[in-house]
Every structure is written in C-alpha cells, then in structure tokens.
Amino acid sequence: MDIIKLIEQEQIKQEIPEFNTGDTVQVHYRIKEGNRERIQVFEGTVLKKQGGGVGATFTVRRLASGVGVERTFSLHSPKIEKLVVTRRGKVRRAKLNYLRSRVGKAAKVKEKMN
C-alpha cells in the first residue's frame, strides 16, 4: 500500500496554479502528430473539477464557431505543459452543467472582483 502512495507522490505536479470552477483557463497541451510534437492552447471556462490525488481531472468548455466543445484533462498529466488562469469566475456551485444549454451572453460567468 505504501509503495502505491510513493509512486503517486512522484507523479503529482507541484507547480499547478490555484483555480476553481467558473474560472477561464488556458491549457497548453502537448499534441503528437506523426513524429512531430506541438503545443495546442485550449482556452475556456472550467465546468467542473473531480477527484483527488493523481486521478484528479477538470473539464473545460469553450465555444468554437458556435458549437460548444468540452475537453476533460487529467490535472497531473505530463502532456499539460502549463496552465494559465486568465480570469476568475464568480460562481455559487461546484458543477456548471447548466452552461451546456446556454449560448452567447447567457453562457458567460461573472468575473470575481478582489
């Protein structure tokens, strides 16, 4: 049992910025195409954060040419180059599933004022 925890501790990233549901984030994700590797930026609103430890995931949603695109990332994945929080959102719930049925201005999240 302790061996598993040791292996998990090695794989947990330490330099992850603090972010929550409703925040707008840029995920710099490493993509392999053939024998080349490039970094693709996926920017959107965090719908939910799930799990803990190594298995923690978060889902990001953005609108691309009028169509909602959601992507779930593993928080401690080695493919994530960096994670940048562009704006903080003011939300009152943990999972923002209601945003899926909204389009345009209705799908916006208020910005948190410090």
PDB file of N, CA and C in Angstrom:
ATOM      1  N   MET A   1       0.828  -1.201   0.000  1.00  0.00           N
ATOM      2  CA  MET A   1       0.000   0.000   0.000  1.00  0.00           C
ATOM      3  C   MET A   1       0.869   1.261   0.000  1.00  0.00           C
ATOM      4  N   ASP A   2       1.933   1.263   0.787  1.00  0.00           N
ATOM      5  CA  ASP A   2       2.809   2.424   0.848  1.00  0.00           C
ATOM      6  C   ASP A   2       3.559   2.632  -0.459  1.00  0.00           C
ATOM      7  N   ILE A   3       3.825   1.551  -1.178  1.00  0.00           N
ATOM      8  CA  ILE A   3       4.541   1.638  -2.454  1.00  0.00           C
ATOM      9  C   ILE A   3       3.694   2.417  -3.461  1.00  0.00           C
ATOM     10  N   ILE A   4       2.403   2.140  -3.474  1.00  0.00           N
ATOM     11  CA  ILE A   4       1.487   2.830  -4.393  1.00  0.00           C
ATOM     12  C   ILE A   4       1.463   4.328  -4.085  1.00  0.00           C
ATOM     13  N   LYS A   5       1.393   4.677  -2.807  1.00  0.00           N
ATOM     14  CA  LYS A   5       1.378   6.100  -2.415  1.00  0.00           C
ATOM     15  C   LYS A   5       2.676   6.791  -2.799  1.00  0.00           C
ATOM     16  N   LEU A   6       3.803   6.099  -2.672  1.00  0.00           N
ATOM     17  CA  LEU A   6       5.090   6.674  -3.059  1.00  0.00           C
ATOM     18  C   LEU A   6       5.132   6.971  -4.554  1.00  0.00           C
ATOM     19  N   ILE A   7       4.648   6.037  -5.360  1.00  0.00           N
ATOM     20  CA  ILE A   7       4.633   6.214  -6.816  1.00  0.00           C
ATOM     21  C   ILE A   7       3.711   7.372  -7.188  1.00  0.00           C
ATOM     22  N   GLU A   8       2.539   7.464  -6.530  1.00  0.00           N
ATOM     23  CA  GLU A   8       1.612   8.557  -6.802  1.00  0.00           C
ATOM     24  C   GLU A   8       2.215   9.908  -6.427  1.00  0.00           C
ATOM     25  N   GLN A   9       2.939   9.982  -5.319  1.00  0.00           N
ATOM     26  CA  GLN A   9       3.567  11.236  -4.890  1.00  0.00           C
ATOM     27  C   GLN A   9       4.583  11.733  -5.906  1.00  0.00           C
ATOM     28  N   GLU A  10       5.291  10.810  -6.559  1.00  0.00           N
ATOM     29  CA  GLU A  10       6.275  11.192  -7.578  1.00  0.00           C
ATOM     30  C   GLU A  10       5.598  11.816  -8.791  1.00  0.00           C
ATOM     31  N   GLN A  11       4.380  11.359  -9.121  1.00  0.00           N
ATOM     32  CA  GLN A  11       3.711  11.806 -10.340  1.00  0.00           C
ATOM     33  C   GLN A  11       2.876  13.067 -10.145  1.00  0.00           C
ATOM     34  N   ILE A  12       2.639  13.470  -8.919  1.00  0.00           N
ATOM     35  CA  ILE A  12       1.848  14.673  -8.659  1.00  0.00           C
ATOM     36  C   ILE A  12       2.676  15.912  -8.973  1.00  0.00           C
ATOM     37  N   LYS A  13       2.085  16.804  -9.784  1.00  0.00           N
ATOM     38  CA  LYS A  13       2.758  18.071 -10.122  1.00  0.00           C
ATOM     39  C   LYS A  13       2.616  19.048  -8.965  1.00  0.00           C
ATOM     40  N   GLN A  14       3.662  19.827  -8.705  1.00  0.00           N
ATOM     41  CA  GLN A  14       3.645  20.796  -7.614  1.00  0.00           C
ATOM     42  C   GLN A  14       3.328  22.205  -8.116  1.00  0.00           C
ATOM     43  N   GLU A  15       3.642  22.508  -9.389  1.00  0.00           N
ATOM     44  CA  GLU A  15       3.548  23.880  -9.897  1.00  0.00           C
ATOM     45  C   GLU A  15       2.204  24.200 -10.538  1.00  0.00           C
ATOM     46  N   ILE A  16       1.126  23.559 -10.108  1.00  0.00           N
ATOM     47  CA  ILE A  16      -0.197  23.827 -10.673  1.00  0.00           C
ATOM     48  C   ILE A  16      -0.785  25.065  -9.993  1.00  0.00           C
ATOM     49  N   PRO A  17      -1.251  26.057 -10.787  1.00  0.00           N
ATOM     50  CA  PRO A  17      -1.837  27.254 -10.174  1.00  0.00           C
ATOM     51  C   PRO A  17      -3.190  26.934  -9.545  1.00  0.00           C
ATOM     52  N   GLU A  18      -3.579  27.745  -8.590  1.00  0.00           N
ATOM     53  CA  GLU A  18      -4.861  27.569  -7.914  1.00  0.00           C
ATOM     54  C   GLU A  18      -5.973  28.060  -8.841  1.00  0.00           C
ATOM     55  N   PHE A  19      -6.925  27.188  -9.171  1.00  0.00           N
ATOM     56  CA  PHE A  19      -8.067  27.587  -9.996  1.00  0.00           C
ATOM     57  C   PHE A  19      -9.300  26.837  -9.529  1.00  0.00           C
ATOM     58  N   ASN A  20     -10.464  27.388  -9.838  1.00  0.00           N
ATOM     59  CA  ASN A  20     -11.722  26.799  -9.406  1.00  0.00           C
ATOM     60  C   ASN A  20     -12.721  26.751 -10.545  1.00  0.00           C
ATOM     61  N   THR A  21     -13.876  26.192 -10.264  1.00  0.00           N
ATOM     62  CA  THR A  21     -14.964  26.146 -11.222  1.00  0.00           C
ATOM     63  C   THR A  21     -15.394  27.569 -11.576  1.00  0.00           C
ATOM     64  N   GLY A  22     -15.635  27.824 -12.856  1.00  0.00           N
ATOM     65  CA  GLY A  22     -16.050  29.142 -13.316  1.00  0.00           C
ATOM     66  C   GLY A  22     -14.903  29.999 -13.808  1.00  0.00           C
ATOM     67  N   ASP A  23     -13.667  29.620 -13.488  1.00  0.00           N
ATOM     68  CA  ASP A  23     -12.504  30.378 -13.951  1.00  0.00           C
ATOM     69  C   ASP A  23     -12.267  30.100 -15.434  1.00  0.00           C
ATOM     70  N   THR A  24     -11.718  31.088 -16.131  1.00  0.00           N
ATOM     71  CA  THR A  24     -11.318  30.903 -17.523  1.00  0.00           C
ATOM     72  C   THR A  24      -9.834  30.563 -17.525  1.00  0.00           C
ATOM     73  N   VAL A  25      -9.500  29.436 -18.130  1.00  0.00           N
ATOM     74  CA  VAL A  25      -8.111  28.970 -18.108  1.00  0.00           C
ATOM     75  C   VAL A  25      -7.611  28.696 -19.525  1.00  0.00           C
ATOM     76  N   GLN A  26      -6.300  28.793 -19.679  1.00  0.00           N
ATOM     77  CA  GLN A  26      -5.628  28.375 -20.908  1.00  0.00           C
ATOM     78  C   GLN A  26      -4.833  27.125 -20.570  1.00  0.00           C
ATOM     79  N   VAL A  27      -5.138  26.032 -21.273  1.00  0.00           N
ATOM     80  CA  VAL A  27      -4.416  24.787 -21.060  1.00  0.00           C
ATOM     81  C   VAL A  27      -3.475  24.604 -22.242  1.00  0.00           C
ATOM     82  N   HIS A  28      -2.179  24.658 -21.998  1.00  0.00           N
ATOM     83  CA  HIS A  28      -1.178  24.434 -23.035  1.00  0.00           C
ATOM     84  C   HIS A  28      -0.898  22.938 -23.053  1.00  0.00           C
ATOM     85  N   TYR A  29      -1.449  22.251 -24.077  1.00  0.00           N
ATOM     86  CA  TYR A  29      -1.455  20.792 -24.136  1.00  0.00           C
ATOM     87  C   TYR A  29      -0.539  20.299 -25.246  1.00  0.00           C
ATOM     88  N   ARG A  30       0.329  19.370 -24.924  1.00  0.00           N
ATOM     89  CA  ARG A  30       1.281  18.825 -25.894  1.00  0.00           C
ATOM     90  C   ARG A  30       0.575  17.758 -26.732  1.00  0.00           C
ATOM     91  N   ILE A  31       0.612  17.937 -28.074  1.00  0.00           N
ATOM     92  CA  ILE A  31      -0.037  17.012 -29.011  1.00  0.00           C
ATOM     93  C   ILE A  31       1.014  16.409 -29.921  1.00  0.00           C
ATOM     94  N   LYS A  32       0.916  15.101 -30.133  1.00  0.00           N
ATOM     95  CA  LYS A  32       1.862  14.425 -31.004  1.00  0.00           C
ATOM     96  C   LYS A  32       1.167  14.132 -32.334  1.00  0.00           C
ATOM     97  N   GLU A  33       1.747  14.633 -33.427  1.00  0.00           N
ATOM     98  CA  GLU A  33       1.216  14.388 -34.774  1.00  0.00           C
ATOM     99  C   GLU A  33       2.304  13.712 -35.579  1.00  0.00           C
ATOM    100  N   GLY A  34       2.140  12.432 -35.800  1.00  0.00           N
ATOM    101  CA  GLY A  34       3.179  11.675 -36.516  1.00  0.00           C
ATOM    102  C   GLY A  34       4.428  11.604 -35.657  1.00  0.00           C
ATOM    103  N   ASN A  35       5.537  12.131 -36.172  1.00  0.00           N
ATOM    104  CA  ASN A  35       6.768  12.146 -35.382  1.00  0.00           C
ATOM    105  C   ASN A  35       7.060  13.538 -34.820  1.00  0.00           C
ATOM    106  N   ARG A  36       6.153  14.501 -35.051  1.00  0.00           N
ATOM    107  CA  ARG A  36       6.330  15.860 -34.549  1.00  0.00           C
ATOM    108  C   ARG A  36       5.490  16.081 -33.298  1.00  0.00           C
ATOM    109  N   GLU A  37       5.929  17.008 -32.472  1.00  0.00           N
ATOM    110  CA  GLU A  37       5.181  17.374 -31.285  1.00  0.00           C
ATOM    111  C   GLU A  37       4.964  18.881 -31.280  1.00  0.00           C
ATOM    112  N   ARG A  38       3.748  19.311 -30.932  1.00  0.00           N
ATOM    113  CA  ARG A  38       3.468  20.731 -30.860  1.00  0.00           C
ATOM    114  C   ARG A  38       2.585  20.990 -29.652  1.00  0.00           C
ATOM    115  N   ILE A  39       2.491  22.270 -29.285  1.00  0.00           N
ATOM    116  CA  ILE A  39       1.667  22.647 -28.142  1.00  0.00           C
ATOM    117  C   ILE A  39       0.428  23.370 -28.644  1.00  0.00           C
ATOM    118  N   GLN A  40      -0.740  22.881 -28.217  1.00  0.00           N
ATOM    119  CA  GLN A  40      -2.010  23.482 -28.596  1.00  0.00           C
ATOM    120  C   GLN A  40      -2.631  24.124 -27.358  1.00  0.00           C
ATOM    121  N   VAL A  41      -3.144  25.336 -27.507  1.00  0.00           N
ATOM    122  CA  VAL A  41      -3.748  26.044 -26.386  1.00  0.00           C
ATOM    123  C   VAL A  41      -5.261  25.872 -26.454  1.00  0.00           C
ATOM    124  N   PHE A  42      -5.842  25.384 -25.364  1.00  0.00           N
ATOM    125  CA  PHE A  42      -7.288  25.212 -25.256  1.00  0.00           C
ATOM    126  C   PHE A  42      -7.759  26.159 -24.164  1.00  0.00           C
ATOM    127  N   GLU A  43      -8.505  27.210 -24.557  1.00  0.00           N
ATOM    128  CA  GLU A  43      -8.961  28.203 -23.583  1.00  0.00           C
ATOM    129  C   GLU A  43     -10.461  28.134 -23.417  1.00  0.00           C
ATOM    130  N   GLY A  44     -10.918  28.103 -22.177  1.00  0.00           N
ATOM    131  CA  GLY A  44     -12.348  28.053 -21.918  1.00  0.00           C
ATOM    132  C   GLY A  44     -12.651  28.140 -20.434  1.00  0.00           C
ATOM    133  N   THR A  45     -13.935  27.933 -20.100  1.00  0.00           N
ATOM    134  CA  THR A  45     -14.407  28.009 -18.723  1.00  0.00           C
ATOM    135  C   THR A  45     -14.346  26.633 -18.083  1.00  0.00           C
ATOM    136  N   VAL A  46     -13.879  26.580 -16.855  1.00  0.00           N
ATOM    137  CA  VAL A  46     -13.820  25.312 -16.122  1.00  0.00           C
ATOM    138  C   VAL A  46     -15.224  24.978 -15.652  1.00  0.00           C
ATOM    139  N   LEU A  47     -15.768  23.840 -16.140  1.00  0.00           N
ATOM    140  CA  LEU A  47     -17.110  23.413 -15.750  1.00  0.00           C
ATOM    141  C   LEU A  47     -17.099  22.670 -14.427  1.00  0.00           C
ATOM    142  N   LYS A  48     -16.079  21.824 -14.248  1.00  0.00           N
ATOM    143  CA  LYS A  48     -16.035  21.036 -13.022  1.00  0.00           C
ATOM    144  C   LYS A  48     -14.632  20.533 -12.746  1.00  0.00           C
ATOM    145  N   LYS A  49     -14.394  20.253 -11.464  1.00  0.00           N
ATOM    146  CA  LYS A  49     -13.164  19.605 -11.021  1.00  0.00           C
ATOM    147  C   LYS A  49     -13.587  18.340 -10.291  1.00  0.00           C
ATOM    148  N   GLN A  50     -12.906  17.237 -10.578  1.00  0.00           N
ATOM    149  CA  GLN A  50     -13.300  15.962  -9.996  1.00  0.00           C
ATOM    150  C   GLN A  50     -12.101  15.226  -9.445  1.00  0.00           C
ATOM    151  N   GLY A  51     -12.350  14.405  -8.449  1.00  0.00           N
ATOM    152  CA  GLY A  51     -11.334  13.505  -7.933  1.00  0.00           C
ATOM    153  C   GLY A  51     -10.268  14.207  -7.120  1.00  0.00           C
ATOM    154  N   GLY A  52      -9.326  13.399  -6.665  1.00  0.00           N
ATOM    155  CA  GLY A  52      -8.222  13.917  -5.878  1.00  0.00           C
ATOM    156  C   GLY A  52      -6.975  13.106  -6.147  1.00  0.00           C
ATOM    157  N   GLY A  53      -5.853  13.624  -5.732  1.00  0.00           N
ATOM    158  CA  GLY A  53      -4.588  12.911  -5.927  1.00  0.00           C
ATOM    159  C   GLY A  53      -4.194  12.872  -7.389  1.00  0.00           C
ATOM    160  N   VAL A  54      -3.650  11.745  -7.811  1.00  0.00           N
ATOM    161  CA  VAL A  54      -3.161  11.613  -9.186  1.00  0.00           C
ATOM    162  C   VAL A  54      -4.314  11.558 -10.184  1.00  0.00           C
ATOM    163  N   GLY A  55      -5.446  11.033  -9.782  1.00  0.00           N
ATOM    164  CA  GLY A  55      -6.578  10.847 -10.687  1.00  0.00           C
ATOM    165  C   GLY A  55      -7.467  12.067 -10.836  1.00  0.00           C
ATOM    166  N   ALA A  56      -7.046  13.224 -10.345  1.00  0.00           N
ATOM    167  CA  ALA A  56      -7.876  14.428 -10.413  1.00  0.00           C
ATOM    168  C   ALA A  56      -8.012  14.900 -11.857  1.00  0.00           C
ATOM    169  N   THR A  57      -9.232  15.284 -12.238  1.00  0.00           N
ATOM    170  CA  THR A  57      -9.487  15.772 -13.594  1.00  0.00           C
ATOM    171  C   THR A  57     -10.274  17.082 -13.525  1.00  0.00           C
ATOM    172  N   PHE A  58     -10.233  17.827 -14.631  1.00  0.00           N
ATOM    173  CA  PHE A  58     -11.057  19.026 -14.752  1.00  0.00           C
ATOM    174  C   PHE A  58     -11.543  19.124 -16.188  1.00  0.00           C
ATOM    175  N   THR A  59     -12.755  19.671 -16.346  1.00  0.00           N
ATOM    176  CA  THR A  59     -13.372  19.795 -17.661  1.00  0.00           C
ATOM    177  C   THR A  59     -13.444  21.264 -18.054  1.00  0.00           C
ATOM    178  N   VAL A  60     -13.005  21.557 -19.274  1.00  0.00           N
ATOM    179  CA  VAL A  60     -13.005  22.922 -19.795  1.00  0.00           C
ATOM    180  C   VAL A  60     -13.931  22.978 -21.007  1.00  0.00           C
ATOM    181  N   ARG A  61     -14.763  24.030 -21.071  1.00  0.00           N
ATOM    182  CA  ARG A  61     -15.699  24.189 -22.190  1.00  0.00           C
ATOM    183  C   ARG A  61     -15.454  25.523 -22.866  1.00  0.00           C
ATOM    184  N   ARG A  62     -15.494  25.505 -24.191  1.00  0.00           N
ATOM    185  CA  ARG A  62     -15.397  26.748 -24.955  1.00  0.00           C
ATOM    186  C   ARG A  62     -16.318  26.658 -26.153  1.00  0.00           C
ATOM    187  N   LEU A  63     -16.641  27.810 -26.730  1.00  0.00           N
ATOM    188  CA  LEU A  63     -17.460  27.847 -27.936  1.00  0.00           C
ATOM    189  C   LEU A  63     -16.539  28.054 -29.131  1.00  0.00           C
ATOM    190  N   ALA A  64     -16.555  27.110 -30.055  1.00  0.00           N
ATOM    191  CA  ALA A  64     -15.743  27.196 -31.262  1.00  0.00           C
ATOM    192  C   ALA A  64     -16.693  27.259 -32.457  1.00  0.00           C
ATOM    193  N   SER A  65     -16.735  28.397 -33.107  1.00  0.00           N
ATOM    194  CA  SER A  65     -17.635  28.693 -34.230  1.00  0.00           C
ATOM    195  C   SER A  65     -19.075  28.260 -33.950  1.00  0.00           C
ATOM    196  N   GLY A  66     -19.587  28.696 -32.809  1.00  0.00           N
ATOM    197  CA  GLY A  66     -20.982  28.463 -32.454  1.00  0.00           C
ATOM    198  C   GLY A  66     -21.285  27.096 -31.872  1.00  0.00           C
ATOM    199  N   VAL A  67     -20.304  26.225 -31.782  1.00  0.00           N
ATOM    200  CA  VAL A  67     -20.510  24.874 -31.267  1.00  0.00           C
ATOM    201  C   VAL A  67     -19.732  24.730 -29.964  1.00  0.00           C
ATOM    202  N   GLY A  68     -20.386  24.211 -28.939  1.00  0.00           N
ATOM    203  CA  GLY A  68     -19.724  24.004 -27.658  1.00  0.00           C
ATOM    204  C   GLY A  68     -18.775  22.824 -27.715  1.00  0.00           C
ATOM    205  N   VAL A  69     -17.535  23.037 -27.291  1.00  0.00           N
ATOM    206  CA  VAL A  69     -16.525  21.975 -27.275  1.00  0.00           C
ATOM    207  C   VAL A  69     -16.053  21.815 -25.841  1.00  0.00           C
ATOM    208  N   GLU A  70     -16.152  20.585 -25.333  1.00  0.00           N
ATOM    209  CA  GLU A  70     -15.692  20.295 -23.976  1.00  0.00           C
ATOM    210  C   GLU A  70     -14.531  19.328 -24.032  1.00  0.00           C
ATOM    211  N   ARG A  71     -13.590  19.527 -23.123  1.00  0.00           N
ATOM    212  CA  ARG A  71     -12.449  18.631 -23.070  1.00  0.00           C
ATOM    213  C   ARG A  71     -12.098  18.390 -21.609  1.00  0.00           C
ATOM    214  N   THR A  72     -11.897  17.135 -21.261  1.00  0.00           N
ATOM    215  CA  THR A  72     -11.527  16.769 -19.902  1.00  0.00           C
ATOM    216  C   THR A  72     -10.041  16.462 -19.864  1.00  0.00           C
ATOM    217  N   PHE A  73      -9.348  17.120 -18.956  1.00  0.00           N
ATOM    218  CA  PHE A  73      -7.904  16.947 -18.813  1.00  0.00           C
ATOM    219  C   PHE A  73      -7.603  16.299 -17.477  1.00  0.00           C
ATOM    220  N   SER A  74      -6.561  15.494 -17.453  1.00  0.00           N
ATOM    221  CA  SER A  74      -6.043  14.975 -16.197  1.00  0.00           C
ATOM    222  C   SER A  74      -5.153  16.069 -15.605  1.00  0.00           C
ATOM    223  N   LEU A  75      -5.379  16.415 -14.347  1.00  0.00           N
ATOM    224  CA  LEU A  75      -4.695  17.556 -13.730  1.00  0.00           C
ATOM    225  C   LEU A  75      -3.183  17.361 -13.662  1.00  0.00           C
ATOM    226  N   HIS A  76      -2.739  16.144 -13.422  1.00  0.00           N
ATOM    227  CA  HIS A  76      -1.307  15.869 -13.247  1.00  0.00           C
ATOM    228  C   HIS A  76      -0.687  15.206 -14.482  1.00  0.00           C
ATOM    229  N   SER A  77      -1.334  15.352 -15.630  1.00  0.00           N
ATOM    230  CA  SER A  77      -0.838  14.741 -16.860  1.00  0.00           C
ATOM    231  C   SER A  77       0.491  15.363 -17.292  1.00  0.00           C
ATOM    232  N   PRO A  78       1.452  14.539 -17.724  1.00  0.00           N
ATOM    233  CA  PRO A  78       2.709  15.093 -18.233  1.00  0.00           C
ATOM    234  C   PRO A  78       2.537  15.809 -19.574  1.00  0.00           C
ATOM    235  N   LYS A  79       1.396  15.616 -20.242  1.00  0.00           N
ATOM    236  CA  LYS A  79       1.141  16.279 -21.519  1.00  0.00           C
ATOM    237  C   LYS A  79       0.742  17.737 -21.350  1.00  0.00           C
ATOM    238  N   ILE A  80       0.317  18.130 -20.159  1.00  0.00           N
ATOM    239  CA  ILE A  80      -0.015  19.528 -19.907  1.00  0.00           C
ATOM    240  C   ILE A  80       1.273  20.281 -19.653  1.00  0.00           C
ATOM    241  N   GLU A  81       1.592  21.187 -20.585  1.00  0.00           N
ATOM    242  CA  GLU A  81       2.822  21.979 -20.492  1.00  0.00           C
ATOM    243  C   GLU A  81       2.690  23.026 -19.394  1.00  0.00           C
ATOM    244  N   LYS A  82       1.608  23.828 -19.480  1.00  0.00           N
ATOM    245  CA  LYS A  82       1.335  24.785 -18.415  1.00  0.00           C
ATOM    246  C   LYS A  82      -0.142  25.139 -18.404  1.00  0.00           C
ATOM    247  N   LEU A  83      -0.577  25.683 -17.274  1.00  0.00           N
ATOM    248  CA  LEU A  83      -1.967  26.040 -17.073  1.00  0.00           C
ATOM    249  C   LEU A  83      -1.988  27.489 -16.601  1.00  0.00           C
ATOM    250  N   VAL A  84      -2.690  28.366 -17.345  1.00  0.00           N
ATOM    251  CA  VAL A  84      -2.726  29.791 -17.031  1.00  0.00           C
ATOM    252  C   VAL A  84      -4.169  30.190 -16.739  1.00  0.00           C
ATOM    253  N   VAL A  85      -4.390  30.825 -15.587  1.00  0.00           N
ATOM    254  CA  VAL A  85      -5.721  31.337 -15.236  1.00  0.00           C
ATOM    255  C   VAL A  85      -5.825  32.751 -15.778  1.00  0.00           C
ATOM    256  N   THR A  86      -6.733  32.985 -16.756  1.00  0.00           N
ATOM    257  CA  THR A  86      -6.858  34.300 -17.365  1.00  0.00           C
ATOM    258  C   THR A  86      -7.844  35.192 -16.616  1.00  0.00           C
ATOM    259  N   ARG A  87      -8.935  34.611 -16.095  1.00  0.00           N
ATOM    260  CA  ARG A  87      -9.860  35.395 -15.270  1.00  0.00           C
ATOM    261  C   ARG A  87     -10.564  34.494 -14.273  1.00  0.00           C
ATOM    262  N   ARG A  88     -10.892  35.075 -13.128  1.00  0.00           N
ATOM    263  CA  ARG A  88     -11.560  34.344 -12.050  1.00  0.00           C
ATOM    264  C   ARG A  88     -13.068  34.523 -12.190  1.00  0.00           C
ATOM    265  N   GLY A  89     -13.800  33.433 -12.063  1.00  0.00           N
ATOM    266  CA  GLY A  89     -15.247  33.492 -12.186  1.00  0.00           C
ATOM    267  C   GLY A  89     -15.937  33.460 -10.838  1.00  0.00           C
ATOM    268  N   LYS A  90     -17.065  34.166 -10.750  1.00  0.00           N
ATOM    269  CA  LYS A  90     -17.852  34.191  -9.520  1.00  0.00           C
ATOM    270  C   LYS A  90     -19.024  33.238  -9.696  1.00  0.00           C
ATOM    271  N   VAL A  91     -18.938  32.070  -9.076  1.00  0.00           N
ATOM    272  CA  VAL A  91     -19.995  31.058  -9.189  1.00  0.00           C
ATOM    273  C   VAL A  91     -20.368  30.569  -7.800  1.00  0.00           C
ATOM    274  N   ARG A  92     -21.568  29.984  -7.705  1.00  0.00           N
ATOM    275  CA  ARG A  92     -22.058  29.541  -6.404  1.00  0.00           C
ATOM    276  C   ARG A  92     -22.276  28.040  -6.352  1.00  0.00           C
ATOM    277  N   ARG A  93     -21.763  27.327  -7.331  1.00  0.00           N
ATOM    278  CA  ARG A  93     -21.901  25.870  -7.314  1.00  0.00           C
ATOM    279  C   ARG A  93     -20.642  25.202  -7.848  1.00  0.00           C
ATOM    280  N   ALA A  94     -20.524  23.915  -7.586  1.00  0.00           N
ATOM    281  CA  ALA A  94     -19.302  23.173  -7.909  1.00  0.00           C
ATOM    282  C   ALA A  94     -19.281  22.694  -9.358  1.00  0.00           C
ATOM    283  N   LYS A  95     -20.451  22.377  -9.923  1.00  0.00           N
ATOM    284  CA  LYS A  95     -20.518  21.863 -11.291  1.00  0.00           C
ATOM    285  C   LYS A  95     -21.433  22.786 -12.101  1.00  0.00           C
ATOM    286  N   LEU A  96     -20.915  23.293 -13.218  1.00  0.00           N
ATOM    287  CA  LEU A  96     -21.660  24.259 -14.030  1.00  0.00           C
ATOM    288  C   LEU A  96     -22.293  23.590 -15.253  1.00  0.00           C
ATOM    289  N   ASN A  97     -23.035  22.507 -15.031  1.00  0.00           N
ATOM    290  CA  ASN A  97     -23.644  21.776 -16.144  1.00  0.00           C
ATOM    291  C   ASN A  97     -24.703  22.593 -16.872  1.00  0.00           C
ATOM    292  N   TYR A  98     -25.271  23.581 -16.202  1.00  0.00           N
ATOM    293  CA  TYR A  98     -26.313  24.404 -16.832  1.00  0.00           C
ATOM    294  C   TYR A  98     -25.771  25.246 -17.986  1.00  0.00           C
ATOM    295  N   LEU A  99     -24.451  25.455 -18.053  1.00  0.00           N
ATOM    296  CA  LEU A  99     -23.862  26.245 -19.141  1.00  0.00           C
ATOM    297  C   LEU A  99     -23.980  25.535 -20.489  1.00  0.00           C
ATOM    298  N   ARG A 100     -24.156  24.218 -20.458  1.00  0.00           N
ATOM    299  CA  ARG A 100     -24.235  23.451 -21.709  1.00  0.00           C
ATOM    300  C   ARG A 100     -25.445  23.835 -22.546  1.00  0.00           C
ATOM    301  N   SER A 101     -26.519  24.215 -21.898  1.00  0.00           N
ATOM    302  CA  SER A 101     -27.743  24.555 -22.639  1.00  0.00           C
ATOM    303  C   SER A 101     -27.808  26.040 -23.002  1.00  0.00           C
ATOM    304  N   ARG A 102     -26.792  26.802 -22.630  1.00  0.00           N
ATOM    305  CA  ARG A 102     -26.808  28.242 -22.894  1.00  0.00           C
ATOM    306  C   ARG A 102     -25.823  28.616 -23.984  1.00  0.00           C
ATOM    307  N   VAL A 103     -26.192  29.673 -24.729  1.00  0.00           N
ATOM    308  CA  VAL A 103     -25.364  30.135 -25.843  1.00  0.00           C
ATOM    309  C   VAL A 103     -25.179  31.641 -25.721  1.00  0.00           C
ATOM    310  N   GLY A 104     -24.056  32.142 -26.184  1.00  0.00           N
ATOM    311  CA  GLY A 104     -23.820  33.584 -26.237  1.00  0.00           C
ATOM    312  C   GLY A 104     -23.595  34.207 -24.876  1.00  0.00           C
ATOM    313  N   LYS A 105     -24.234  35.377 -24.648  1.00  0.00           N
ATOM    314  CA  LYS A 105     -24.045  36.102 -23.390  1.00  0.00           C
ATOM    315  C   LYS A 105     -24.580  35.326 -22.189  1.00  0.00           C
ATOM    316  N   ALA A 106     -25.587  34.515 -22.410  1.00  0.00           N
ATOM    317  CA  ALA A 106     -26.189  33.746 -21.315  1.00  0.00           C
ATOM    318  C   ALA A 106     -25.212  32.710 -20.756  1.00  0.00           C
ATOM    319  N   ALA A 107     -24.232  32.323 -21.564  1.00  0.00           N
ATOM    320  CA  ALA A 107     -23.263  31.311 -21.148  1.00  0.00           C
ATOM    321  C   ALA A 107     -22.066  31.922 -20.423  1.00  0.00           C
ATOM    322  N   LYS A 108     -22.108  33.259 -20.208  1.00  0.00           N
ATOM    323  CA  LYS A 108     -20.995  33.919 -19.536  1.00  0.00           C
ATOM    324  C   LYS A 108     -21.077  33.748 -18.028  1.00  0.00           C
ATOM    325  N   VAL A 109     -19.912  33.767 -17.397  1.00  0.00           N
ATOM    326  CA  VAL A 109     -19.812  33.702 -15.945  1.00  0.00           C
ATOM    327  C   VAL A 109     -19.293  35.055 -15.476  1.00  0.00           C
ATOM    328  N   LYS A 110     -19.911  35.586 -14.421  1.00  0.00           N
ATOM    329  CA  LYS A 110     -19.467  36.886 -13.893  1.00  0.00           C
ATOM    330  C   LYS A 110     -18.042  36.799 -13.391  1.00  0.00           C
ATOM    331  N   GLU A 111     -17.314  37.908 -13.513  1.00  0.00           N
ATOM    332  CA  GLU A 111     -15.937  37.931 -13.060  1.00  0.00           C
ATOM    333  C   GLU A 111     -15.878  38.314 -11.587  1.00  0.00           C
ATOM    334  N   LYS A 112     -15.006  37.640 -10.866  1.00  0.00           N
ATOM    335  CA  LYS A 112     -14.842  37.901  -9.440  1.00  0.00           C
ATOM    336  C   LYS A 112     -13.996  39.142  -9.234  1.00  0.00           C
ATOM    337  N   MET A 113     -14.508  40.059  -8.422  1.00  0.00           N
ATOM    338  CA  MET A 113     -13.761  41.264  -8.090  1.00  0.00           C
ATOM    339  C   MET A 113     -13.045  41.046  -6.767  1.00  0.00           C
ATOM    340  N   ASN A 114     -11.759  41.416  -6.713  1.00  0.00           N
ATOM    341  CA  ASN A 114     -10.990  41.164  -5.484  1.00  0.00           C
ATOM    342  C   ASN A 114     -11.441  42.026  -4.383  1.00  0.00           C
TER     343      ASN A 114
END
